Amino acid sequence: MQLVLRIAAYLTFLLGIGLLGRLLGMYSLSGMVDMLHMLLGIATAILALVVLGNTIRQDGIRGIAAWFPLLPLALGILWYTSMNGVMALIAIHAVLGLTAIGLIEMHLARRKRAQRAALGQQ
């Protein structure tokens, strides 16, 4: 599940870069890329809650990593439904998305280190 979460997050990021190029007029993409980006964003937020949710109460970073992907998702849906064309909103959405990926990676790395330490103590 962790690998699926990471793949979904990075694919969402790559599609977002593609959509940014389209918004800047560099090239054109089909509307299917919009939908795929949105569906992968939803999948990333749900997977983050499923994969990281069982450790929410252990410490702050773990809880934030589980819930933070909901912020870029909410902002993206807001932009898609009503605030279309506000470039500042897109920039905030991108920063929140990158932060969500970073927090997910931090959480997964901490989990891996904790598992290694537990194996080393046995």
PDB file of N, CA and C in Angstrom:
ATOM      1  N   MET A   1       0.806  -1.200   0.000  1.00  0.00           N
ATOM      2  CA  MET A   1       0.000   0.000   0.000  1.00  0.00           C
ATOM      3  C   MET A   1       0.855   1.273   0.000  1.00  0.00           C
ATOM      4  N   GLN A   2       1.991   1.210   0.705  1.00  0.00           N
ATOM      5  CA  GLN A   2       2.859   2.381   0.746  1.00  0.00           C
ATOM      6  C   GLN A   2       3.366   2.736  -0.645  1.00  0.00           C
ATOM      7  N   LEU A   3       3.715   1.711  -1.411  1.00  0.00           N
ATOM      8  CA  LEU A   3       4.209   1.952  -2.762  1.00  0.00           C
ATOM      9  C   LEU A   3       3.111   2.535  -3.643  1.00  0.00           C
ATOM     10  N   VAL A   4       1.897   2.049  -3.487  1.00  0.00           N
ATOM     11  CA  VAL A   4       0.776   2.581  -4.261  1.00  0.00           C
ATOM     12  C   VAL A   4       0.544   4.045  -3.906  1.00  0.00           C
ATOM     13  N   LEU A   5       0.639   4.385  -2.634  1.00  0.00           N
ATOM     14  CA  LEU A   5       0.505   5.778  -2.197  1.00  0.00           C
ATOM     15  C   LEU A   5       1.569   6.646  -2.845  1.00  0.00           C
ATOM     16  N   ARG A   6       2.799   6.196  -2.822  1.00  0.00           N
ATOM     17  CA  ARG A   6       3.889   6.973  -3.408  1.00  0.00           C
ATOM     18  C   ARG A   6       3.707   7.147  -4.907  1.00  0.00           C
ATOM     19  N   ILE A   7       3.321   6.084  -5.599  1.00  0.00           N
ATOM     20  CA  ILE A   7       3.112   6.163  -7.044  1.00  0.00           C
ATOM     21  C   ILE A   7       1.982   7.135  -7.365  1.00  0.00           C
ATOM     22  N   ALA A   8       0.885   7.045  -6.626  1.00  0.00           N
ATOM     23  CA  ALA A   8      -0.244   7.961  -6.855  1.00  0.00           C
ATOM     24  C   ALA A   8       0.173   9.406  -6.623  1.00  0.00           C
ATOM     25  N   ALA A   9       0.933   9.646  -5.568  1.00  0.00           N
ATOM     26  CA  ALA A   9       1.362  11.013  -5.257  1.00  0.00           C
ATOM     27  C   ALA A   9       2.272  11.565  -6.350  1.00  0.00           C
ATOM     28  N   TYR A  10       3.232  10.777  -6.792  1.00  0.00           N
ATOM     29  CA  TYR A  10       4.160  11.257  -7.813  1.00  0.00           C
ATOM     30  C   TYR A  10       3.502  11.392  -9.179  1.00  0.00           C
ATOM     31  N   LEU A  11       2.584  10.505  -9.534  1.00  0.00           N
ATOM     32  CA  LEU A  11       1.851  10.657 -10.790  1.00  0.00           C
ATOM     33  C   LEU A  11       0.976  11.909 -10.768  1.00  0.00           C
ATOM     34  N   THR A  12       0.374  12.179  -9.626  1.00  0.00           N
ATOM     35  CA  THR A  12      -0.417  13.404  -9.483  1.00  0.00           C
ATOM     36  C   THR A  12       0.474  14.620  -9.701  1.00  0.00           C
ATOM     37  N   PHE A  13       1.657  14.589  -9.120  1.00  0.00           N
ATOM     38  CA  PHE A  13       2.618  15.686  -9.281  1.00  0.00           C
ATOM     39  C   PHE A  13       3.012  15.866 -10.745  1.00  0.00           C
ATOM     40  N   LEU A  14       3.336  14.769 -11.417  1.00  0.00           N
ATOM     41  CA  LEU A  14       3.753  14.868 -12.819  1.00  0.00           C
ATOM     42  C   LEU A  14       2.631  15.375 -13.712  1.00  0.00           C
ATOM     43  N   LEU A  15       1.419  14.911 -13.476  1.00  0.00           N
ATOM     44  CA  LEU A  15       0.288  15.419 -14.249  1.00  0.00           C
ATOM     45  C   LEU A  15       0.039  16.897 -13.949  1.00  0.00           C
ATOM     46  N   GLY A  16       0.270  17.301 -12.714  1.00  0.00           N
ATOM     47  CA  GLY A  16       0.130  18.712 -12.357  1.00  0.00           C
ATOM     48  C   GLY A  16       1.131  19.584 -13.099  1.00  0.00           C
ATOM     49  N   ILE A  17       2.343  19.096 -13.260  1.00  0.00           N
ATOM     50  CA  ILE A  17       3.337  19.839 -14.041  1.00  0.00           C
ATOM     51  C   ILE A  17       2.865  19.968 -15.486  1.00  0.00           C
ATOM     52  N   GLY A  18       2.307  18.885 -16.024  1.00  0.00           N
ATOM     53  CA  GLY A  18       1.773  18.942 -17.379  1.00  0.00           C
ATOM     54  C   GLY A  18       0.640  19.940 -17.512  1.00  0.00           C
ATOM     55  N   LEU A  19      -0.238  19.972 -16.523  1.00  0.00           N
ATOM     56  CA  LEU A  19      -1.347  20.927 -16.556  1.00  0.00           C
ATOM     57  C   LEU A  19      -0.858  22.363 -16.437  1.00  0.00           C
ATOM     58  N   LEU A  20       0.194  22.574 -15.680  1.00  0.00           N
ATOM     59  CA  LEU A  20       0.757  23.917 -15.563  1.00  0.00           C
ATOM     60  C   LEU A  20       1.282  24.393 -16.909  1.00  0.00           C
ATOM     61  N   GLY A  21       1.948  23.495 -17.634  1.00  0.00           N
ATOM     62  CA  GLY A  21       2.422  23.857 -18.967  1.00  0.00           C
ATOM     63  C   GLY A  21       1.285  24.241 -19.897  1.00  0.00           C
ATOM     64  N   ARG A  22       0.172  23.556 -19.768  1.00  0.00           N
ATOM     65  CA  ARG A  22      -0.988  23.902 -20.587  1.00  0.00           C
ATOM     66  C   ARG A  22      -1.546  25.270 -20.201  1.00  0.00           C
ATOM     67  N   LEU A  23      -1.614  25.548 -18.906  1.00  0.00           N
ATOM     68  CA  LEU A  23      -2.125  26.844 -18.456  1.00  0.00           C
ATOM     69  C   LEU A  23      -1.240  27.999 -18.900  1.00  0.00           C
ATOM     70  N   LEU A  24       0.051  27.738 -18.999  1.00  0.00           N
ATOM     71  CA  LEU A  24       0.983  28.771 -19.439  1.00  0.00           C
ATOM     72  C   LEU A  24       1.024  28.906 -20.955  1.00  0.00           C
ATOM     73  N   GLY A  25       0.256  28.071 -21.649  1.00  0.00           N
ATOM     74  CA  GLY A  25       0.180  28.157 -23.099  1.00  0.00           C
ATOM     75  C   GLY A  25       1.326  27.495 -23.832  1.00  0.00           C
ATOM     76  N   MET A  26       2.061  26.632 -23.169  1.00  0.00           N
ATOM     77  CA  MET A  26       3.199  25.985 -23.806  1.00  0.00           C
ATOM     78  C   MET A  26       2.766  24.872 -24.762  1.00  0.00           C
ATOM     79  N   TYR A  27       1.693  24.203 -24.465  1.00  0.00           N
ATOM     80  CA  TYR A  27       1.170  23.129 -25.295  1.00  0.00           C
ATOM     81  C   TYR A  27      -0.262  22.851 -24.885  1.00  0.00           C
ATOM     82  N   SER A  28      -0.929  21.990 -25.617  1.00  0.00           N
ATOM     83  CA  SER A  28      -2.317  21.675 -25.279  1.00  0.00           C
ATOM     84  C   SER A  28      -2.422  20.216 -24.851  1.00  0.00           C
ATOM     85  N   LEU A  29      -3.305  19.965 -23.918  1.00  0.00           N
ATOM     86  CA  LEU A  29      -3.580  18.622 -23.426  1.00  0.00           C
ATOM     87  C   LEU A  29      -5.087  18.405 -23.453  1.00  0.00           C
ATOM     88  N   SER A  30      -5.486  17.161 -23.482  1.00  0.00           N
ATOM     89  CA  SER A  30      -6.921  16.866 -23.472  1.00  0.00           C
ATOM     90  C   SER A  30      -7.490  17.078 -22.072  1.00  0.00           C
ATOM     91  N   GLY A  31      -8.791  17.160 -21.999  1.00  0.00           N
ATOM     92  CA  GLY A  31      -9.463  17.306 -20.713  1.00  0.00           C
ATOM     93  C   GLY A  31      -9.336  16.067 -19.854  1.00  0.00           C
ATOM     94  N   MET A  32      -8.959  14.956 -20.475  1.00  0.00           N
ATOM     95  CA  MET A  32      -8.788  13.712 -19.725  1.00  0.00           C
ATOM     96  C   MET A  32      -7.643  13.832 -18.714  1.00  0.00           C
ATOM     97  N   VAL A  33      -6.650  14.639 -19.038  1.00  0.00           N
ATOM     98  CA  VAL A  33      -5.529  14.837 -18.114  1.00  0.00           C
ATOM     99  C   VAL A  33      -6.017  15.541 -16.854  1.00  0.00           C
ATOM    100  N   ASP A  34      -6.938  16.498 -17.006  1.00  0.00           N
ATOM    101  CA  ASP A  34      -7.544  17.153 -15.839  1.00  0.00           C
ATOM    102  C   ASP A  34      -8.209  16.122 -14.931  1.00  0.00           C
ATOM    103  N   MET A  35      -9.026  15.282 -15.540  1.00  0.00           N
ATOM    104  CA  MET A  35      -9.760  14.281 -14.764  1.00  0.00           C
ATOM    105  C   MET A  35      -8.810  13.296 -14.092  1.00  0.00           C
ATOM    106  N   LEU A  36      -7.796  12.864 -14.812  1.00  0.00           N
ATOM    107  CA  LEU A  36      -6.837  11.914 -14.251  1.00  0.00           C
ATOM    108  C   LEU A  36      -6.078  12.535 -13.088  1.00  0.00           C
ATOM    109  N   HIS A  37      -5.694  13.805 -13.241  1.00  0.00           N
ATOM    110  CA  HIS A  37      -5.008  14.516 -12.161  1.00  0.00           C
ATOM    111  C   HIS A  37      -5.907  14.597 -10.918  1.00  0.00           C
ATOM    112  N   MET A  38      -7.174  14.912 -11.148  1.00  0.00           N
ATOM    113  CA  MET A  38      -8.105  15.019 -10.028  1.00  0.00           C
ATOM    114  C   MET A  38      -8.347  13.655  -9.372  1.00  0.00           C
ATOM    115  N   LEU A  39      -8.538  12.626 -10.181  1.00  0.00           N
ATOM    116  CA  LEU A  39      -8.768  11.290  -9.619  1.00  0.00           C
ATOM    117  C   LEU A  39      -7.555  10.786  -8.845  1.00  0.00           C
ATOM    118  N   LEU A  40      -6.364  11.041  -9.368  1.00  0.00           N
ATOM    119  CA  LEU A  40      -5.159  10.634  -8.639  1.00  0.00           C
ATOM    120  C   LEU A  40      -4.980  11.449  -7.359  1.00  0.00           C
ATOM    121  N   GLY A  41      -5.383  12.717  -7.374  1.00  0.00           N
ATOM    122  CA  GLY A  41      -5.342  13.530  -6.156  1.00  0.00           C
ATOM    123  C   GLY A  41      -6.282  12.981  -5.098  1.00  0.00           C
ATOM    124  N   ILE A  42      -7.479  12.583  -5.515  1.00  0.00           N
ATOM    125  CA  ILE A  42      -8.433  11.978  -4.582  1.00  0.00           C
ATOM    126  C   ILE A  42      -7.877  10.665  -4.047  1.00  0.00           C
ATOM    127  N   ALA A  43      -7.294   9.856  -4.954  1.00  0.00           N
ATOM    128  CA  ALA A  43      -6.712   8.578  -4.533  1.00  0.00           C
ATOM    129  C   ALA A  43      -5.566   8.790  -3.551  1.00  0.00           C
ATOM    130  N   THR A  44      -4.731   9.798  -3.806  1.00  0.00           N
ATOM    131  CA  THR A  44      -3.614  10.083  -2.913  1.00  0.00           C
ATOM    132  C   THR A  44      -4.116  10.475  -1.527  1.00  0.00           C
ATOM    133  N   ALA A  45      -5.129  11.334  -1.466  1.00  0.00           N
ATOM    134  CA  ALA A  45      -5.664  11.754  -0.164  1.00  0.00           C
ATOM    135  C   ALA A  45      -6.271  10.575   0.590  1.00  0.00           C
ATOM    136  N   ILE A  46      -7.021   9.731  -0.112  1.00  0.00           N
ATOM    137  CA  ILE A  46      -7.627   8.568   0.550  1.00  0.00           C
ATOM    138  C   ILE A  46      -6.564   7.576   0.989  1.00  0.00           C
ATOM    139  N   LEU A  47      -5.601   7.303   0.104  1.00  0.00           N
ATOM    140  CA  LEU A  47      -4.537   6.361   0.459  1.00  0.00           C
ATOM    141  C   LEU A  47      -3.699   6.877   1.622  1.00  0.00           C
ATOM    142  N   ALA A  48      -3.465   8.184   1.686  1.00  0.00           N
ATOM    143  CA  ALA A  48      -2.704   8.743   2.807  1.00  0.00           C
ATOM    144  C   ALA A  48      -3.439   8.495   4.118  1.00  0.00           C
ATOM    145  N   LEU A  49      -4.742   8.670   4.107  1.00  0.00           N
ATOM    146  CA  LEU A  49      -5.512   8.402   5.325  1.00  0.00           C
ATOM    147  C   LEU A  49      -5.498   6.921   5.673  1.00  0.00           C
ATOM    148  N   VAL A  50      -5.566   6.054   4.671  1.00  0.00           N
ATOM    149  CA  VAL A  50      -5.587   4.608   4.929  1.00  0.00           C
ATOM    150  C   VAL A  50      -4.218   4.117   5.387  1.00  0.00           C
ATOM    151  N   VAL A  51      -3.176   4.509   4.652  1.00  0.00           N
ATOM    152  CA  VAL A  51      -1.828   3.990   4.938  1.00  0.00           C
ATOM    153  C   VAL A  51      -1.238   4.630   6.197  1.00  0.00           C
ATOM    154  N   LEU A  52      -1.446   5.920   6.362  1.00  0.00           N
ATOM    155  CA  LEU A  52      -0.807   6.639   7.466  1.00  0.00           C
ATOM    156  C   LEU A  52      -1.752   6.879   8.641  1.00  0.00           C
ATOM    157  N   GLY A  53      -3.026   6.617   8.455  1.00  0.00           N
ATOM    158  CA  GLY A  53      -4.023   6.950   9.459  1.00  0.00           C
ATOM    159  C   GLY A  53      -3.889   6.204  10.765  1.00  0.00           C
ATOM    160  N   ASN A  54      -3.326   5.007  10.731  1.00  0.00           N
ATOM    161  CA  ASN A  54      -3.225   4.242  11.975  1.00  0.00           C
ATOM    162  C   ASN A  54      -2.157   4.788  12.914  1.00  0.00           C
ATOM    163  N   THR A  55      -1.362   5.729  12.459  1.00  0.00           N
ATOM    164  CA  THR A  55      -0.313   6.316  13.306  1.00  0.00           C
ATOM    165  C   THR A  55      -0.563   7.784  13.600  1.00  0.00           C
ATOM    166  N   ILE A  56      -1.778   8.244  13.393  1.00  0.00           N
ATOM    167  CA  ILE A  56      -2.085   9.670  13.535  1.00  0.00           C
ATOM    168  C   ILE A  56      -1.767  10.178  14.939  1.00  0.00           C
ATOM    169  N   ARG A  57      -2.040   9.399  15.950  1.00  0.00           N
ATOM    170  CA  ARG A  57      -1.880   9.883  17.329  1.00  0.00           C
ATOM    171  C   ARG A  57      -0.485   9.675  17.904  1.00  0.00           C
ATOM    172  N   GLN A  58       0.444   9.153  17.099  1.00  0.00           N
ATOM    173  CA  GLN A  58       1.786   8.898  17.623  1.00  0.00           C
ATOM    174  C   GLN A  58       2.614  10.166  17.756  1.00  0.00           C
ATOM    175  N   ASP A  59       2.633  10.991  16.751  1.00  0.00           N
ATOM    176  CA  ASP A  59       3.295  12.289  16.854  1.00  0.00           C
ATOM    177  C   ASP A  59       2.756  13.228  15.785  1.00  0.00           C
ATOM    178  N   GLY A  60       3.184  14.470  15.840  1.00  0.00           N
ATOM    179  CA  GLY A  60       2.625  15.499  14.975  1.00  0.00           C
ATOM    180  C   GLY A  60       2.828  15.291  13.494  1.00  0.00           C
ATOM    181  N   ILE A  61       4.062  14.953  13.098  1.00  0.00           N
ATOM    182  CA  ILE A  61       4.366  14.791  11.676  1.00  0.00           C
ATOM    183  C   ILE A  61       3.525  13.674  11.079  1.00  0.00           C
ATOM    184  N   ARG A  62       3.375  12.602  11.794  1.00  0.00           N
ATOM    185  CA  ARG A  62       2.597  11.481  11.263  1.00  0.00           C
ATOM    186  C   ARG A  62       1.139  11.870  11.067  1.00  0.00           C
ATOM    187  N   GLY A  63       0.592  12.599  12.008  1.00  0.00           N
ATOM    188  CA  GLY A  63      -0.784  13.048  11.862  1.00  0.00           C
ATOM    189  C   GLY A  63      -0.952  14.042  10.728  1.00  0.00           C
ATOM    190  N   ILE A  64      -0.002  14.948  10.630  1.00  0.00           N
ATOM    191  CA  ILE A  64      -0.054  15.933   9.553  1.00  0.00           C
ATOM    192  C   ILE A  64       0.083  15.245   8.203  1.00  0.00           C
ATOM    193  N   ALA A  65       0.978  14.277   8.100  1.00  0.00           N
ATOM    194  CA  ALA A  65       1.191  13.579   6.830  1.00  0.00           C
ATOM    195  C   ALA A  65      -0.065  12.853   6.375  1.00  0.00           C
ATOM    196  N   ALA A  66      -0.854  12.380   7.300  1.00  0.00           N
ATOM    197  CA  ALA A  66      -2.075  11.663   6.943  1.00  0.00           C
ATOM    198  C   ALA A  66      -3.167  12.620   6.469  1.00  0.00           C
ATOM    199  N   TRP A  67      -3.283  13.774   7.104  1.00  0.00           N
ATOM    200  CA  TRP A  67      -4.365  14.696   6.793  1.00  0.00           C
ATOM    201  C   TRP A  67      -4.008  15.773   5.788  1.00  0.00           C
ATOM    202  N   PHE A  68      -2.736  16.100   5.633  1.00  0.00           N
ATOM    203  CA  PHE A  68      -2.326  17.237   4.804  1.00  0.00           C
ATOM    204  C   PHE A  68      -2.724  17.102   3.332  1.00  0.00           C
ATOM    205  N   PRO A  69      -2.706  15.910   2.732  1.00  0.00           N
ATOM    206  CA  PRO A  69      -3.117  15.818   1.317  1.00  0.00           C
ATOM    207  C   PRO A  69      -4.548  16.286   1.054  1.00  0.00           C
ATOM    208  N   LEU A  70      -5.354  16.410   2.089  1.00  0.00           N
ATOM    209  CA  LEU A  70      -6.708  16.934   1.889  1.00  0.00           C
ATOM    210  C   LEU A  70      -6.700  18.422   1.536  1.00  0.00           C
ATOM    211  N   LEU A  71      -5.667  19.159   1.950  1.00  0.00           N
ATOM    212  CA  LEU A  71      -5.605  20.596   1.652  1.00  0.00           C
ATOM    213  C   LEU A  71      -5.435  20.877   0.160  1.00  0.00           C
ATOM    214  N   PRO A  72      -4.418  20.304  -0.506  1.00  0.00           N
ATOM    215  CA  PRO A  72      -4.338  20.564  -1.949  1.00  0.00           C
ATOM    216  C   PRO A  72      -5.529  19.995  -2.715  1.00  0.00           C
ATOM    217  N   LEU A  73      -6.097  18.901  -2.212  1.00  0.00           N
ATOM    218  CA  LEU A  73      -7.285  18.343  -2.856  1.00  0.00           C
ATOM    219  C   LEU A  73      -8.444  19.338  -2.781  1.00  0.00           C
ATOM    220  N   ALA A  74      -8.687  19.894  -1.603  1.00  0.00           N
ATOM    221  CA  ALA A  74      -9.785  20.859  -1.442  1.00  0.00           C
ATOM    222  C   ALA A  74      -9.549  22.101  -2.289  1.00  0.00           C
ATOM    223  N   LEU A  75      -8.317  22.584  -2.315  1.00  0.00           N
ATOM    224  CA  LEU A  75      -8.004  23.767  -3.107  1.00  0.00           C
ATOM    225  C   LEU A  75      -8.141  23.483  -4.597  1.00  0.00           C
ATOM    226  N   GLY A  76      -7.722  22.297  -5.015  1.00  0.00           N
ATOM    227  CA  GLY A  76      -7.864  21.919  -6.425  1.00  0.00           C
ATOM    228  C   GLY A  76      -9.310  21.807  -6.851  1.00  0.00           C
ATOM    229  N   ILE A  77     -10.131  21.238  -5.989  1.00  0.00           N
ATOM    230  CA  ILE A  77     -11.556  21.132  -6.305  1.00  0.00           C
ATOM    231  C   ILE A  77     -12.193  22.525  -6.331  1.00  0.00           C
ATOM    232  N   LEU A  78     -11.797  23.383  -5.407  1.00  0.00           N
ATOM    233  CA  LEU A  78     -12.294  24.764  -5.406  1.00  0.00           C
ATOM    234  C   LEU A  78     -11.926  25.463  -6.706  1.00  0.00           C
ATOM    235  N   TRP A  79     -10.679  25.312  -7.128  1.00  0.00           N
ATOM    236  CA  TRP A  79     -10.238  25.946  -8.371  1.00  0.00           C
ATOM    237  C   TRP A  79     -10.995  25.378  -9.555  1.00  0.00           C
ATOM    238  N   TYR A  80     -11.180  24.090  -9.577  1.00  0.00           N
ATOM    239  CA  TYR A  80     -11.836  23.424 -10.706  1.00  0.00           C
ATOM    240  C   TYR A  80     -13.309  23.811 -10.816  1.00  0.00           C
ATOM    241  N   THR A  81     -13.970  24.014  -9.689  1.00  0.00           N
ATOM    242  CA  THR A  81     -15.402  24.271  -9.722  1.00  0.00           C
ATOM    243  C   THR A  81     -15.775  25.741  -9.822  1.00  0.00           C
ATOM    244  N   SER A  82     -14.998  26.630  -9.178  1.00  0.00           N
ATOM    245  CA  SER A  82     -15.483  28.010  -9.140  1.00  0.00           C
ATOM    246  C   SER A  82     -14.423  29.084  -9.346  1.00  0.00           C
ATOM    247  N   MET A  83     -13.186  28.816  -9.072  1.00  0.00           N
ATOM    248  CA  MET A  83     -12.162  29.866  -9.114  1.00  0.00           C
ATOM    249  C   MET A  83     -11.233  29.686 -10.316  1.00  0.00           C
ATOM    250  N   ASN A  84     -11.745  29.126 -11.384  1.00  0.00           N
ATOM    251  CA  ASN A  84     -10.942  28.836 -12.563  1.00  0.00           C
ATOM    252  C   ASN A  84     -10.271  30.103 -13.093  1.00  0.00           C
ATOM    253  N   GLY A  85      -8.973  30.034 -13.259  1.00  0.00           N
ATOM    254  CA  GLY A  85      -8.235  31.156 -13.811  1.00  0.00           C
ATOM    255  C   GLY A  85      -7.448  31.959 -12.807  1.00  0.00           C
ATOM    256  N   VAL A  86      -7.583  31.697 -11.537  1.00  0.00           N
ATOM    257  CA  VAL A  86      -6.839  32.439 -10.515  1.00  0.00           C
ATOM    258  C   VAL A  86      -5.478  31.755 -10.347  1.00  0.00           C
ATOM    259  N   MET A  87      -4.447  32.359 -10.932  1.00  0.00           N
ATOM    260  CA  MET A  87      -3.125  31.732 -10.937  1.00  0.00           C
ATOM    261  C   MET A  87      -2.514  31.636  -9.538  1.00  0.00           C
ATOM    262  N   ALA A  88      -2.820  32.573  -8.660  1.00  0.00           N
ATOM    263  CA  ALA A  88      -2.284  32.507  -7.294  1.00  0.00           C
ATOM    264  C   ALA A  88      -2.795  31.261  -6.588  1.00  0.00           C
ATOM    265  N   LEU A  89      -4.036  30.882  -6.857  1.00  0.00           N
ATOM    266  CA  LEU A  89      -4.611  29.680  -6.261  1.00  0.00           C
ATOM    267  C   LEU A  89      -3.891  28.434  -6.758  1.00  0.00           C
ATOM    268  N   ILE A  90      -3.500  28.450  -8.008  1.00  0.00           N
ATOM    269  CA  ILE A  90      -2.757  27.320  -8.572  1.00  0.00           C
ATOM    270  C   ILE A  90      -1.388  27.215  -7.917  1.00  0.00           C
ATOM    271  N   ALA A  91      -0.741  28.357  -7.689  1.00  0.00           N
ATOM    272  CA  ALA A  91       0.576  28.339  -7.049  1.00  0.00           C
ATOM    273  C   ALA A  91       0.470  27.790  -5.623  1.00  0.00           C
ATOM    274  N   ILE A  92      -0.547  28.218  -4.882  1.00  0.00           N
ATOM    275  CA  ILE A  92      -0.742  27.712  -3.517  1.00  0.00           C
ATOM    276  C   ILE A  92      -1.053  26.223  -3.551  1.00  0.00           C
ATOM    277  N   HIS A  93      -1.879  25.809  -4.503  1.00  0.00           N
ATOM    278  CA  HIS A  93      -2.215  24.395  -4.678  1.00  0.00           C
ATOM    279  C   HIS A  93      -0.947  23.571  -4.933  1.00  0.00           C
ATOM    280  N   ALA A  94      -0.067  24.080  -5.790  1.00  0.00           N
ATOM    281  CA  ALA A  94       1.172  23.365  -6.110  1.00  0.00           C
ATOM    282  C   ALA A  94       2.084  23.264  -4.886  1.00  0.00           C
ATOM    283  N   VAL A  95       2.214  24.342  -4.141  1.00  0.00           N
ATOM    284  CA  VAL A  95       3.066  24.318  -2.940  1.00  0.00           C
ATOM    285  C   VAL A  95       2.496  23.351  -1.908  1.00  0.00           C
ATOM    286  N   LEU A  96       1.184  23.376  -1.726  1.00  0.00           N
ATOM    287  CA  LEU A  96       0.561  22.442  -0.776  1.00  0.00           C
ATOM    288  C   LEU A  96       0.728  20.994  -1.236  1.00  0.00           C
ATOM    289  N   GLY A  97       0.623  20.758  -2.538  1.00  0.00           N
ATOM    290  CA  GLY A  97       0.811  19.405  -3.063  1.00  0.00           C
ATOM    291  C   GLY A  97       2.225  18.905  -2.844  1.00  0.00           C
ATOM    292  N   LEU A  98       3.210  19.765  -3.117  1.00  0.00           N
ATOM    293  CA  LEU A  98       4.605  19.374  -2.882  1.00  0.00           C
ATOM    294  C   LEU A  98       4.873  19.140  -1.397  1.00  0.00           C
ATOM    295  N   THR A  99       4.289  19.970  -0.555  1.00  0.00           N
ATOM    296  CA  THR A  99       4.440  19.785   0.886  1.00  0.00           C
ATOM    297  C   THR A  99       3.818  18.468   1.330  1.00  0.00           C
ATOM    298  N   ALA A 100       2.657  18.129   0.762  1.00  0.00           N
ATOM    299  CA  ALA A 100       2.003  16.854   1.098  1.00  0.00           C
ATOM    300  C   ALA A 100       2.888  15.678   0.717  1.00  0.00           C
ATOM    301  N   ILE A 101       3.493  15.734  -0.461  1.00  0.00           N
ATOM    302  CA  ILE A 101       4.391  14.653  -0.883  1.00  0.00           C
ATOM    303  C   ILE A 101       5.588  14.565   0.059  1.00  0.00           C
ATOM    304  N   GLY A 102       6.136  15.708   0.428  1.00  0.00           N
ATOM    305  CA  GLY A 102       7.267  15.711   1.358  1.00  0.00           C
ATOM    306  C   GLY A 102       6.913  15.130   2.711  1.00  0.00           C
ATOM    307  N   LEU A 103       5.744  15.481   3.228  1.00  0.00           N
ATOM    308  CA  LEU A 103       5.317  14.943   4.519  1.00  0.00           C
ATOM    309  C   LEU A 103       5.063  13.442   4.446  1.00  0.00           C
ATOM    310  N   ILE A 104       4.486  12.991   3.357  1.00  0.00           N
ATOM    311  CA  ILE A 104       4.272  11.548   3.175  1.00  0.00           C
ATOM    312  C   ILE A 104       5.604  10.823   3.143  1.00  0.00           C
ATOM    313  N   GLU A 105       6.555  11.366   2.392  1.00  0.00           N
ATOM    314  CA  GLU A 105       7.880  10.741   2.315  1.00  0.00           C
ATOM    315  C   GLU A 105       8.574  10.735   3.673  1.00  0.00           C
ATOM    316  N   MET A 106       8.453  11.825   4.424  1.00  0.00           N
ATOM    317  CA  MET A 106       9.043  11.873   5.766  1.00  0.00           C
ATOM    318  C   MET A 106       8.437  10.806   6.664  1.00  0.00           C
ATOM    319  N   HIS A 107       7.138  10.683   6.609  1.00  0.00           N
ATOM    320  CA  HIS A 107       6.462   9.695   7.445  1.00  0.00           C
ATOM    321  C   HIS A 107       6.899   8.279   7.077  1.00  0.00           C
ATOM    322  N   LEU A 108       6.934   7.979   5.797  1.00  0.00           N
ATOM    323  CA  LEU A 108       7.319   6.630   5.374  1.00  0.00           C
ATOM    324  C   LEU A 108       8.772   6.333   5.728  1.00  0.00           C
ATOM    325  N   ALA A 109       9.645   7.336   5.624  1.00  0.00           N
ATOM    326  CA  ALA A 109      11.040   7.134   6.000  1.00  0.00           C
ATOM    327  C   ALA A 109      11.183   6.889   7.498  1.00  0.00           C
ATOM    328  N   ARG A 110      10.439   7.635   8.304  1.00  0.00           N
ATOM    329  CA  ARG A 110      10.475   7.423   9.763  1.00  0.00           C
ATOM    330  C   ARG A 110       9.951   6.038  10.125  1.00  0.00           C
ATOM    331  N   ARG A 111       8.903   5.617   9.445  1.00  0.00           N
ATOM    332  CA  ARG A 111       8.352   4.289   9.697  1.00  0.00           C
ATOM    333  C   ARG A 111       9.380   3.208   9.350  1.00  0.00           C
ATOM    334  N   LYS A 112      10.077   3.386   8.241  1.00  0.00           N
ATOM    335  CA  LYS A 112      11.084   2.407   7.830  1.00  0.00           C
ATOM    336  C   LYS A 112      12.251   2.366   8.820  1.00  0.00           C
ATOM    337  N   ARG A 113      12.680   3.545   9.279  1.00  0.00           N
ATOM    338  CA  ARG A 113      13.767   3.584  10.275  1.00  0.00           C
ATOM    339  C   ARG A 113      13.347   2.922  11.573  1.00  0.00           C
ATOM    340  N   ALA A 114      12.118   3.152  11.998  1.00  0.00           N
ATOM    341  CA  ALA A 114      11.623   2.542  13.233  1.00  0.00           C
ATOM    342  C   ALA A 114      11.557   1.024  13.104  1.00  0.00           C
ATOM    343  N   GLN A 115      11.157   0.538  11.935  1.00  0.00           N
ATOM    344  CA  GLN A 115      11.106  -0.906  11.721  1.00  0.00           C
ATOM    345  C   GLN A 115      12.507  -1.504  11.737  1.00  0.00           C
ATOM    346  N   ARG A 116      13.467  -0.812  11.118  1.00  0.00           N
ATOM    347  CA  ARG A 116      14.858  -1.299  11.133  1.00  0.00           C
ATOM    348  C   ARG A 116      15.410  -1.314  12.542  1.00  0.00           C
ATOM    349  N   ALA A 117      15.110  -0.268  13.313  1.00  0.00           N
ATOM    350  CA  ALA A 117      15.599  -0.203  14.690  1.00  0.00           C
ATOM    351  C   ALA A 117      14.988  -1.326  15.529  1.00  0.00           C
ATOM    352  N   ALA A 118      13.720  -1.623  15.307  1.00  0.00           N
ATOM    353  CA  ALA A 118      13.060  -2.690  16.043  1.00  0.00           C
ATOM    354  C   ALA A 118      13.669  -4.052  15.688  1.00  0.00           C
ATOM    355  N   LEU A 119      14.043  -4.240  14.453  1.00  0.00           N
ATOM    356  CA  LEU A 119      14.692  -5.500  14.048  1.00  0.00           C
ATOM    357  C   LEU A 119      16.102  -5.599  14.615  1.00  0.00           C
ATOM    358  N   GLY A 120      16.786  -4.453  14.721  1.00  0.00           N
ATOM    359  CA  GLY A 120      18.130  -4.452  15.264  1.00  0.00           C
ATOM    360  C   GLY A 120      18.185  -4.726  16.747  1.00  0.00           C
ATOM    361  N   GLN A 121      17.137  -4.407  17.483  1.00  0.00           N
ATOM    362  CA  GLN A 121      17.107  -4.609  18.912  1.00  0.00           C
ATOM    363  C   GLN A 121      16.773  -6.038  19.284  1.00  0.00           C
ATOM    364  N   GLN A 122      16.188  -6.772  18.373  1.00  0.00           N
ATOM    365  CA  GLN A 122      15.777  -8.138  18.693  1.00  0.00           C
ATOM    366  C   GLN A 122      16.926  -9.107  18.639  1.00  0.00           C
TER     367      GLN A 122
END
